[in-house]
Amino acid sequence: MKKKKTVLLADDDIDLIETMKIVLEAEGLATINAYDTAAAFARLKTEKPDLMVLDVMFGSGGKTNGLELVSKIRRDAAVSGTLILMITSVSLKLPVFDILPKKDGMPAGRGKENAYYKPFAHDASAYLPVDGFINKPAQPEELVAKVRALLEKRTSKWAGWKIK
């Protein structure tokens, strides 16, 4: 019998984890939950999931503990090859200008309002040691597609990554 692929869901939003769990398990994947970065790292080391879906920000105050955990994972030889899909609302949109057009007094029709917000266009996984990003809240079809695509890779391109 073929072993189910396992996905570790690490987020402090219990409802989001439950939603992702329902979606992924309906697709035949097994899931493991972790609600903080310490539990996520412990479960990663003991249960060796095939992929981790990891939130960037944990806890009140929006600490970027998810990024700190990524660094810790990549430096640990036992788990550095883990595929990581970051889930975040941080990358939804970026302001194009330092001065927001609705506040700088520029009259409508000057062109800036169309460029007020621009979808996040950079592939952050090209320079952050993760294998992909997905916006929060993830649409079920997009979550499944990204998870499936990453699982085909089997191991992270960042395995053995060292911070200089």
C-alpha atoms as a PDB file:
ATOM      1  CA  MET A   1       0.000   0.000   0.000  1.00  0.00           C
ATOM      2  CA  LYS A   2       1.321   3.425  -0.978  1.00  0.00           C
ATOM      3  CA  LYS A   3       1.945   5.850   1.904  1.00  0.00           C
ATOM      4  CA  LYS A   4      -0.115   9.046   1.814  1.00  0.00           C
ATOM      5  CA  LYS A   5       1.823  12.261   1.379  1.00  0.00           C
ATOM      6  CA  THR A   6       1.770  14.298   4.588  1.00  0.00           C
ATOM      7  CA  VAL A   7       1.445  18.063   4.920  1.00  0.00           C
ATOM      8  CA  LEU A   8       2.292  19.929   8.129  1.00  0.00           C
ATOM      9  CA  LEU A   9      -0.001  22.945   8.544  1.00  0.00           C
ATOM     10  CA  ALA A  10       1.649  25.584  10.752  1.00  0.00           C
ATOM     11  CA  ASP A  11      -0.399  28.684  11.521  1.00  0.00           C
ATOM     12  CA  ASP A  12      -1.768  30.350  14.658  1.00  0.00           C
ATOM     13  CA  ASP A  13      -5.183  30.668  12.994  1.00  0.00           C
ATOM     14  CA  ILE A  14      -7.029  27.505  14.067  1.00  0.00           C
ATOM     15  CA  ASP A  15      -9.909  28.108  11.653  1.00  0.00           C
ATOM     16  CA  LEU A  16      -7.553  28.476   8.700  1.00  0.00           C
ATOM     17  CA  ILE A  17      -5.754  25.255   9.611  1.00  0.00           C
ATOM     18  CA  GLU A  18      -9.071  23.402   9.867  1.00  0.00           C
ATOM     19  CA  THR A  19     -10.150  24.735   6.469  1.00  0.00           C
ATOM     20  CA  MET A  20      -6.856  23.745   4.803  1.00  0.00           C
ATOM     21  CA  LYS A  21      -7.037  20.358   6.538  1.00  0.00           C
ATOM     22  CA  ILE A  22     -10.507  19.659   5.085  1.00  0.00           C
ATOM     23  CA  VAL A  23      -9.391  20.687   1.588  1.00  0.00           C
ATOM     24  CA  LEU A  24      -6.143  18.697   1.607  1.00  0.00           C
ATOM     25  CA  GLU A  25      -7.583  15.577   3.214  1.00  0.00           C
ATOM     26  CA  ALA A  26     -10.371  15.576   0.598  1.00  0.00           C
ATOM     27  CA  GLU A  27      -7.533  15.317  -1.945  1.00  0.00           C
ATOM     28  CA  GLY A  28      -6.112  12.210  -0.257  1.00  0.00           C
ATOM     29  CA  LEU A  29      -3.331  13.917   1.685  1.00  0.00           C
ATOM     30  CA  ALA A  30      -2.644  13.390   5.383  1.00  0.00           C
ATOM     31  CA  THR A  31      -2.232  16.474   7.569  1.00  0.00           C
ATOM     32  CA  ILE A  32      -0.495  17.365  10.813  1.00  0.00           C
ATOM     33  CA  ASN A  33      -1.291  20.576  12.698  1.00  0.00           C
ATOM     34  CA  ALA A  34       0.919  22.995  14.634  1.00  0.00           C
ATOM     35  CA  TYR A  35      -0.266  26.292  16.088  1.00  0.00           C
ATOM     36  CA  ASP A  36       3.113  27.877  16.919  1.00  0.00           C
ATOM     37  CA  THR A  37       6.632  27.701  15.535  1.00  0.00           C
ATOM     38  CA  ALA A  38       8.048  25.610  18.390  1.00  0.00           C
ATOM     39  CA  ALA A  39       5.409  22.924  17.896  1.00  0.00           C
ATOM     40  CA  ALA A  40       5.884  23.117  14.122  1.00  0.00           C
ATOM     41  CA  PHE A  41       9.626  22.510  14.390  1.00  0.00           C
ATOM     42  CA  ALA A  42       9.143  19.642  16.854  1.00  0.00           C
ATOM     43  CA  ARG A  43       6.538  17.956  14.642  1.00  0.00           C
ATOM     44  CA  LEU A  44       8.697  18.502  11.571  1.00  0.00           C
ATOM     45  CA  LYS A  45      11.617  16.706  13.233  1.00  0.00           C
ATOM     46  CA  THR A  46       9.605  13.801  14.647  1.00  0.00           C
ATOM     47  CA  GLU A  47       7.024  13.194  11.913  1.00  0.00           C
ATOM     48  CA  LYS A  48       9.011  14.177   8.794  1.00  0.00           C
ATOM     49  CA  PRO A  49       6.121  15.452   6.622  1.00  0.00           C
ATOM     50  CA  ASP A  50       6.562  15.726   2.869  1.00  0.00           C
ATOM     51  CA  LEU A  51       5.680  19.418   2.856  1.00  0.00           C
ATOM     52  CA  MET A  52       5.026  22.242   5.304  1.00  0.00           C
ATOM     53  CA  VAL A  53       2.514  25.050   4.795  1.00  0.00           C
ATOM     54  CA  LEU A  54       3.866  27.796   7.050  1.00  0.00           C
ATOM     55  CA  ASP A  55       2.481  31.183   8.023  1.00  0.00           C
ATOM     56  CA  VAL A  56       4.860  34.151   8.023  1.00  0.00           C
ATOM     57  CA  MET A  57       3.345  35.943  11.022  1.00  0.00           C
ATOM     58  CA  PHE A  58       2.555  34.287  14.334  1.00  0.00           C
ATOM     59  CA  GLY A  59       0.909  35.659  17.458  1.00  0.00           C
ATOM     60  CA  SER A  60      -0.353  39.065  18.442  1.00  0.00           C
ATOM     61  CA  GLY A  61       1.827  41.855  17.182  1.00  0.00           C
ATOM     62  CA  GLY A  62       2.485  40.033  13.893  1.00  0.00           C
ATOM     63  CA  LYS A  63       5.945  38.707  14.597  1.00  0.00           C
ATOM     64  CA  THR A  64       7.668  37.175  11.585  1.00  0.00           C
ATOM     65  CA  ASN A  65       8.468  33.970  13.448  1.00  0.00           C
ATOM     66  CA  GLY A  66       7.648  31.975  10.332  1.00  0.00           C
ATOM     67  CA  LEU A  67      10.681  33.423   8.562  1.00  0.00           C
ATOM     68  CA  GLU A  68      12.827  32.681  11.594  1.00  0.00           C
ATOM     69  CA  LEU A  69      11.592  29.094  11.542  1.00  0.00           C
ATOM     70  CA  VAL A  70      12.471  28.767   7.852  1.00  0.00           C
ATOM     71  CA  SER A  71      16.038  29.797   8.648  1.00  0.00           C
ATOM     72  CA  LYS A  72      16.207  27.277  11.492  1.00  0.00           C
ATOM     73  CA  ILE A  73      14.864  24.492   9.263  1.00  0.00           C
ATOM     74  CA  ARG A  74      17.312  25.209   6.460  1.00  0.00           C
ATOM     75  CA  ARG A  75      20.266  25.056   8.887  1.00  0.00           C
ATOM     76  CA  ASP A  76      19.204  21.700  10.357  1.00  0.00           C
ATOM     77  CA  ALA A  77      20.594  18.847   8.242  1.00  0.00           C
ATOM     78  CA  ALA A  78      17.839  16.445   9.325  1.00  0.00           C
ATOM     79  CA  VAL A  79      15.030  18.620   7.889  1.00  0.00           C
ATOM     80  CA  SER A  80      16.688  21.148   5.563  1.00  0.00           C
ATOM     81  CA  GLY A  81      15.224  19.494   2.477  1.00  0.00           C
ATOM     82  CA  THR A  82      11.640  19.958   3.633  1.00  0.00           C
ATOM     83  CA  LEU A  83       9.443  21.594   1.025  1.00  0.00           C
ATOM     84  CA  ILE A  84       7.956  24.817   2.429  1.00  0.00           C
ATOM     85  CA  LEU A  85       4.969  26.696   1.076  1.00  0.00           C
ATOM     86  CA  MET A  86       4.605  30.044   2.865  1.00  0.00           C
ATOM     87  CA  ILE A  87       1.089  31.310   3.368  1.00  0.00           C
ATOM     88  CA  THR A  88       0.738  34.997   4.044  1.00  0.00           C
ATOM     89  CA  SER A  89      -1.431  38.024   3.601  1.00  0.00           C
ATOM     90  CA  VAL A  90       1.703  40.195   3.561  1.00  0.00           C
ATOM     91  CA  SER A  91       2.361  39.695  -0.143  1.00  0.00           C
ATOM     92  CA  LEU A  92      -1.132  40.513  -1.399  1.00  0.00           C
ATOM     93  CA  LYS A  93      -0.390  44.036  -2.581  1.00  0.00           C
ATOM     94  CA  LEU A  94       2.453  46.469  -2.340  1.00  0.00           C
ATOM     95  CA  PRO A  95       2.138  50.243  -2.566  1.00  0.00           C
ATOM     96  CA  VAL A  96       3.845  51.513  -5.682  1.00  0.00           C
ATOM     97  CA  PHE A  97       4.531  54.983  -4.319  1.00  0.00           C
ATOM     98  CA  ASP A  98       5.855  56.143  -0.962  1.00  0.00           C
ATOM     99  CA  ILE A  99       3.098  58.756  -0.855  1.00  0.00           C
ATOM    100  CA  LEU A 100      -0.337  57.273  -1.217  1.00  0.00           C
ATOM    101  CA  PRO A 101      -2.337  58.992  -3.987  1.00  0.00           C
ATOM    102  CA  LYS A 102      -5.502  59.404  -1.925  1.00  0.00           C
ATOM    103  CA  LYS A 103      -3.534  61.330   0.675  1.00  0.00           C
ATOM    104  CA  ASP A 104      -1.100  63.403  -1.351  1.00  0.00           C
ATOM    105  CA  GLY A 105      -3.670  65.800  -2.769  1.00  0.00           C
ATOM    106  CA  MET A 106      -3.224  64.784  -6.404  1.00  0.00           C
ATOM    107  CA  PRO A 107      -6.491  65.240  -8.281  1.00  0.00           C
ATOM    108  CA  ALA A 108      -8.186  62.234  -9.863  1.00  0.00           C
ATOM    109  CA  GLY A 109      -7.285  61.462 -13.458  1.00  0.00           C
ATOM    110  CA  ARG A 110      -3.542  62.073 -13.088  1.00  0.00           C
ATOM    111  CA  GLY A 111      -2.653  58.403 -13.567  1.00  0.00           C
ATOM    112  CA  LYS A 112      -1.449  57.551 -10.092  1.00  0.00           C
ATOM    113  CA  GLU A 113      -4.674  55.990  -8.886  1.00  0.00           C
ATOM    114  CA  ASN A 114      -4.333  53.096 -11.354  1.00  0.00           C
ATOM    115  CA  ALA A 115      -0.937  52.301  -9.923  1.00  0.00           C
ATOM    116  CA  TYR A 116      -1.969  52.838  -6.301  1.00  0.00           C
ATOM    117  CA  TYR A 117      -1.647  49.167  -5.502  1.00  0.00           C
ATOM    118  CA  LYS A 118       0.018  46.650  -7.679  1.00  0.00           C
ATOM    119  CA  PRO A 119      -0.219  42.893  -7.167  1.00  0.00           C
ATOM    120  CA  PHE A 120       2.912  41.377  -5.664  1.00  0.00           C
ATOM    121  CA  ALA A 121       4.860  40.511  -8.791  1.00  0.00           C
ATOM    122  CA  HIS A 122       8.198  39.333  -7.456  1.00  0.00           C
ATOM    123  CA  ASP A 123       8.889  35.643  -6.969  1.00  0.00           C
ATOM    124  CA  ALA A 124      10.028  35.892  -3.364  1.00  0.00           C
ATOM    125  CA  SER A 125      10.881  32.185  -3.334  1.00  0.00           C
ATOM    126  CA  ALA A 126      13.775  33.046  -5.654  1.00  0.00           C
ATOM    127  CA  TYR A 127      15.586  34.783  -2.792  1.00  0.00           C
ATOM    128  CA  LEU A 128      13.890  33.551   0.394  1.00  0.00           C
ATOM    129  CA  PRO A 129      14.653  29.924   1.287  1.00  0.00           C
ATOM    130  CA  VAL A 130      11.117  28.659   0.674  1.00  0.00           C
ATOM    131  CA  ASP A 131       9.717  26.751  -2.261  1.00  0.00           C
ATOM    132  CA  GLY A 132       6.608  28.800  -2.905  1.00  0.00           C
ATOM    133  CA  PHE A 133       4.149  31.401  -1.650  1.00  0.00           C
ATOM    134  CA  ILE A 134       0.387  31.471  -1.494  1.00  0.00           C
ATOM    135  CA  ASN A 135      -1.817  34.349  -0.422  1.00  0.00           C
ATOM    136  CA  LYS A 136      -4.076  34.114   2.590  1.00  0.00           C
ATOM    137  CA  PRO A 137      -6.835  33.139   2.519  1.00  0.00           C
ATOM    138  CA  ALA A 138      -5.951  30.561  -0.108  1.00  0.00           C
ATOM    139  CA  GLN A 139      -8.597  29.446  -2.533  1.00  0.00           C
ATOM    140  CA  PRO A 140      -9.015  25.658  -2.263  1.00  0.00           C
ATOM    141  CA  GLU A 141      -8.114  25.007  -5.909  1.00  0.00           C
ATOM    142  CA  GLU A 142      -4.983  27.147  -5.671  1.00  0.00           C
ATOM    143  CA  LEU A 143      -3.888  25.519  -2.402  1.00  0.00           C
ATOM    144  CA  VAL A 144      -4.273  22.023  -3.837  1.00  0.00           C
ATOM    145  CA  ALA A 145      -2.504  22.972  -7.080  1.00  0.00           C
ATOM    146  CA  LYS A 146       0.477  24.523  -5.283  1.00  0.00           C
ATOM    147  CA  VAL A 147       0.773  21.667  -2.789  1.00  0.00           C
ATOM    148  CA  ARG A 148       0.596  19.053  -5.579  1.00  0.00           C
ATOM    149  CA  ALA A 149       3.173  20.908  -7.707  1.00  0.00           C
ATOM    150  CA  LEU A 150       5.598  21.147  -4.789  1.00  0.00           C
ATOM    151  CA  LEU A 151       5.128  17.515  -3.774  1.00  0.00           C
ATOM    152  CA  GLU A 152       6.316  16.486  -7.231  1.00  0.00           C
ATOM    153  CA  LYS A 153       9.698  18.026  -6.395  1.00  0.00           C
ATOM    154  CA  ARG A 154      10.201  15.695  -3.392  1.00  0.00           C
ATOM    155  CA  THR A 155      12.902  17.865  -1.819  1.00  0.00           C
ATOM    156  CA  SER A 156      13.550  21.583  -1.498  1.00  0.00           C
ATOM    157  CA  LYS A 157      16.010  23.358  -3.745  1.00  0.00           C
ATOM    158  CA  TRP A 158      17.164  25.002  -0.510  1.00  0.00           C
ATOM    159  CA  ALA A 159      18.319  21.754   1.150  1.00  0.00           C
ATOM    160  CA  GLY A 160      21.642  22.350   2.874  1.00  0.00           C
ATOM    161  CA  TRP A 161      21.305  26.140   2.596  1.00  0.00           C
ATOM    162  CA  LYS A 162      23.741  28.021   4.789  1.00  0.00           C
ATOM    163  CA  ILE A 163      23.444  31.543   6.099  1.00  0.00           C
ATOM    164  CA  LYS A 164      26.663  33.416   5.425  1.00  0.00           C
END
